[in-house]
Protein backbone atom coordinates (compact mmCIF):
# COMPACT_ATOMS: atom_id res chain seq x y z
CA MET A 1 0.00 0.00 0.00
CA ASN A 2 1.16 3.50 -0.78
CA MET A 3 2.01 5.10 2.57
CA LEU A 4 0.36 8.29 1.31
CA VAL A 5 -2.97 6.51 1.57
CA GLU A 6 -2.83 6.04 5.31
CA ASN A 7 -1.68 9.59 5.99
CA ASN A 8 -3.35 11.37 3.08
CA SER A 9 -4.82 14.66 4.30
CA ARG A 10 -7.36 14.62 1.44
CA VAL A 11 -9.08 11.59 2.95
CA GLY A 12 -11.36 12.13 5.94
CA PHE A 13 -11.17 8.50 7.06
CA HIS A 14 -8.55 5.84 7.69
CA VAL A 15 -8.01 3.52 4.74
CA PRO A 16 -7.14 0.07 6.12
CA PHE A 17 -4.37 -2.04 4.66
CA THR A 18 -6.99 -4.56 3.55
CA ILE A 19 -10.35 -3.33 2.32
CA ASN A 20 -13.11 -5.41 3.88
CA GLU A 21 -16.90 -5.58 3.97
CA GLU A 22 -17.12 -3.55 7.19
CA PHE A 23 -15.05 -0.69 5.70
CA LEU A 24 -17.15 -0.64 2.53
CA LYS A 25 -20.42 -0.59 4.46
CA ARG A 26 -19.19 2.14 6.81
CA ASN A 27 -18.09 4.28 3.83
CA LEU A 28 -20.86 3.39 1.40
CA LYS A 29 -21.55 6.99 0.36
CA ASP A 30 -17.90 8.06 0.14
CA VAL A 31 -15.96 5.18 -1.44
CA LEU A 32 -15.87 3.00 -4.55
CA PHE A 33 -13.43 0.10 -4.41
CA VAL A 34 -11.91 -1.26 -7.65
CA PHE A 35 -10.67 -4.86 -7.62
CA GLY A 36 -9.30 -7.26 -10.23
CA ASP A 37 -12.06 -9.44 -11.63
CA ASN A 38 -12.63 -12.14 -14.20
CA ALA A 39 -14.65 -11.71 -17.38
CA LYS A 40 -17.46 -13.90 -16.00
CA HIS A 41 -17.80 -11.66 -12.90
CA PHE A 42 -18.12 -14.82 -10.85
CA GLY A 43 -16.29 -16.25 -7.87
CA LYS A 44 -15.17 -14.95 -4.51
CA GLY A 45 -11.39 -15.40 -4.56
CA GLY A 46 -9.19 -12.58 -3.27
CA ALA A 47 -10.79 -9.14 -3.29
CA ALA A 48 -13.65 -10.54 -5.40
CA LYS A 49 -15.13 -11.72 -2.10
CA LEU A 50 -16.42 -8.13 -1.91
CA ARG A 51 -18.10 -8.18 -5.33
CA ASP A 52 -21.61 -8.12 -3.87
CA GLU A 53 -21.04 -4.83 -2.07
CA PRO A 54 -22.78 -1.95 -3.89
CA ASN A 55 -19.68 0.25 -3.83
CA THR A 56 -17.31 -2.07 -5.69
CA PHE A 57 -16.24 -2.29 -9.32
CA GLY A 58 -14.65 -5.36 -10.91
CA PHE A 59 -11.94 -4.49 -13.46
CA VAL A 60 -11.38 -7.52 -15.72
CA THR A 61 -7.87 -8.98 -15.47
CA LYS A 62 -8.61 -12.70 -16.00
CA LYS A 63 -10.85 -14.71 -18.32
CA TYR A 64 -12.25 -17.19 -15.79
CA PRO A 65 -12.27 -17.68 -12.00
CA SER A 66 -9.83 -20.56 -12.22
CA ASN A 67 -6.09 -21.14 -12.16
CA ALA A 68 -6.07 -23.20 -15.36
CA ASP A 69 -3.73 -21.77 -18.02
CA CYS A 70 -6.69 -20.91 -20.24
CA SER A 71 -8.03 -18.56 -17.51
CA PHE A 72 -5.24 -16.01 -17.90
CA TYR A 73 -4.80 -13.25 -20.43
CA THR A 74 -1.50 -13.10 -22.27
CA LEU A 75 0.34 -9.98 -23.34
CA HIS A 76 -1.07 -10.63 -26.81
CA ASP A 77 -4.77 -11.03 -25.98
CA TYR A 78 -5.21 -8.65 -23.03
CA PRO A 79 -4.76 -5.21 -24.69
CA SER A 80 -8.20 -5.18 -26.35
CA ILE A 81 -9.90 -6.20 -23.09
CA PHE A 82 -7.81 -3.65 -21.23
CA GLU A 83 -8.93 -0.84 -23.52
CA GLU A 84 -12.59 -1.64 -22.77
CA GLU A 85 -11.95 -1.83 -19.03
CA LYS A 86 -10.03 1.45 -19.06
CA GLN A 87 -12.98 3.25 -20.62
CA LYS A 88 -15.39 1.81 -18.04
CA LEU A 89 -13.15 2.85 -15.16
CA ILE A 90 -12.58 6.37 -16.51
CA LYS A 91 -16.35 6.76 -16.84
CA LEU A 92 -16.82 5.56 -13.26
CA ILE A 93 -14.22 8.04 -11.99
CA LYS A 94 -15.70 10.98 -13.90
CA ASN A 95 -19.29 10.11 -12.96
CA ASN A 96 -18.43 9.97 -9.26
CA PRO A 97 -16.37 13.07 -8.50
CA ASP A 98 -17.79 13.16 -4.97
CA LYS A 99 -16.49 9.65 -4.13
CA TRP A 100 -13.02 8.35 -3.38
CA ILE A 101 -12.05 5.73 -5.97
CA LEU A 102 -9.78 3.27 -4.16
CA ILE A 103 -7.94 1.11 -6.68
CA SER A 104 -6.25 -2.10 -5.59
CA ARG A 105 -3.27 -3.61 -7.38
CA ILE A 106 -5.60 -4.91 -10.08
CA GLY A 107 -3.99 -7.64 -12.13
CA GLY A 108 -0.91 -7.72 -9.90
CA GLY A 109 -1.67 -10.98 -8.09
CA LEU A 110 -2.74 -14.32 -9.52
CA ALA A 111 -3.94 -12.69 -12.75
CA ASN A 112 -0.37 -11.64 -13.53
CA LYS A 113 0.78 -15.05 -14.76
CA TYR A 114 1.95 -13.58 -18.07
CA GLY A 115 3.12 -10.15 -16.87
CA ILE A 116 0.09 -8.03 -17.75
CA PHE A 117 0.43 -5.93 -14.60
CA GLU A 118 3.94 -4.63 -15.20
CA ARG A 119 3.68 -4.22 -18.94
CA ILE A 120 0.09 -3.09 -19.45
CA ILE A 121 -1.87 -2.23 -16.32
CA SER A 122 0.55 -0.54 -13.89
CA PRO A 123 1.89 2.20 -16.20
CA TRP A 124 -1.66 3.31 -16.95
CA LEU A 125 -2.90 3.10 -13.36
CA GLU A 126 -0.24 5.55 -12.29
CA THR A 127 -1.70 8.15 -14.67
CA LEU A 128 -5.03 7.99 -12.81
CA GLU A 129 -3.60 9.87 -9.87
CA GLU A 130 -4.20 13.03 -11.91
CA TYR A 131 -7.84 12.64 -10.85
CA LYS A 132 -8.29 14.22 -7.43
CA ASN A 133 -10.63 11.44 -6.28
CA VAL A 134 -8.38 8.46 -7.14
CA ILE A 135 -6.13 6.71 -4.65
CA LEU A 136 -3.95 3.74 -5.62
CA LEU A 137 -3.78 1.27 -2.76
CA TYR A 138 -0.27 -0.03 -3.43
């Protein structure tokens, strides 16, 4: 987690190291949490356990909720999916200027089998900090 998150004077609440259901419920009106998701929007592994909370957004980083090789995007097939997901997230950010958009290390965990985080996702995520309501949680 970026240490600026915990001590960020812009934020009127403490952002825990791990976002959980209690935090999301307590900050329902103030926070949207972005987590790495699969294209089926199914399963409860990792941060996806929070998918049923109304203030979450699943950013697609895997094909299926499985660890089979066919479940992961490669550097070749992810860019087109990534472009679609980027547009959705930008729209979410712009349509919710009154909310803090807390973005996890989407695609940096299990979904990163073929290096999509370092090569595709991370460089772009860092540009989102230009939005005053975006906080990267890593």
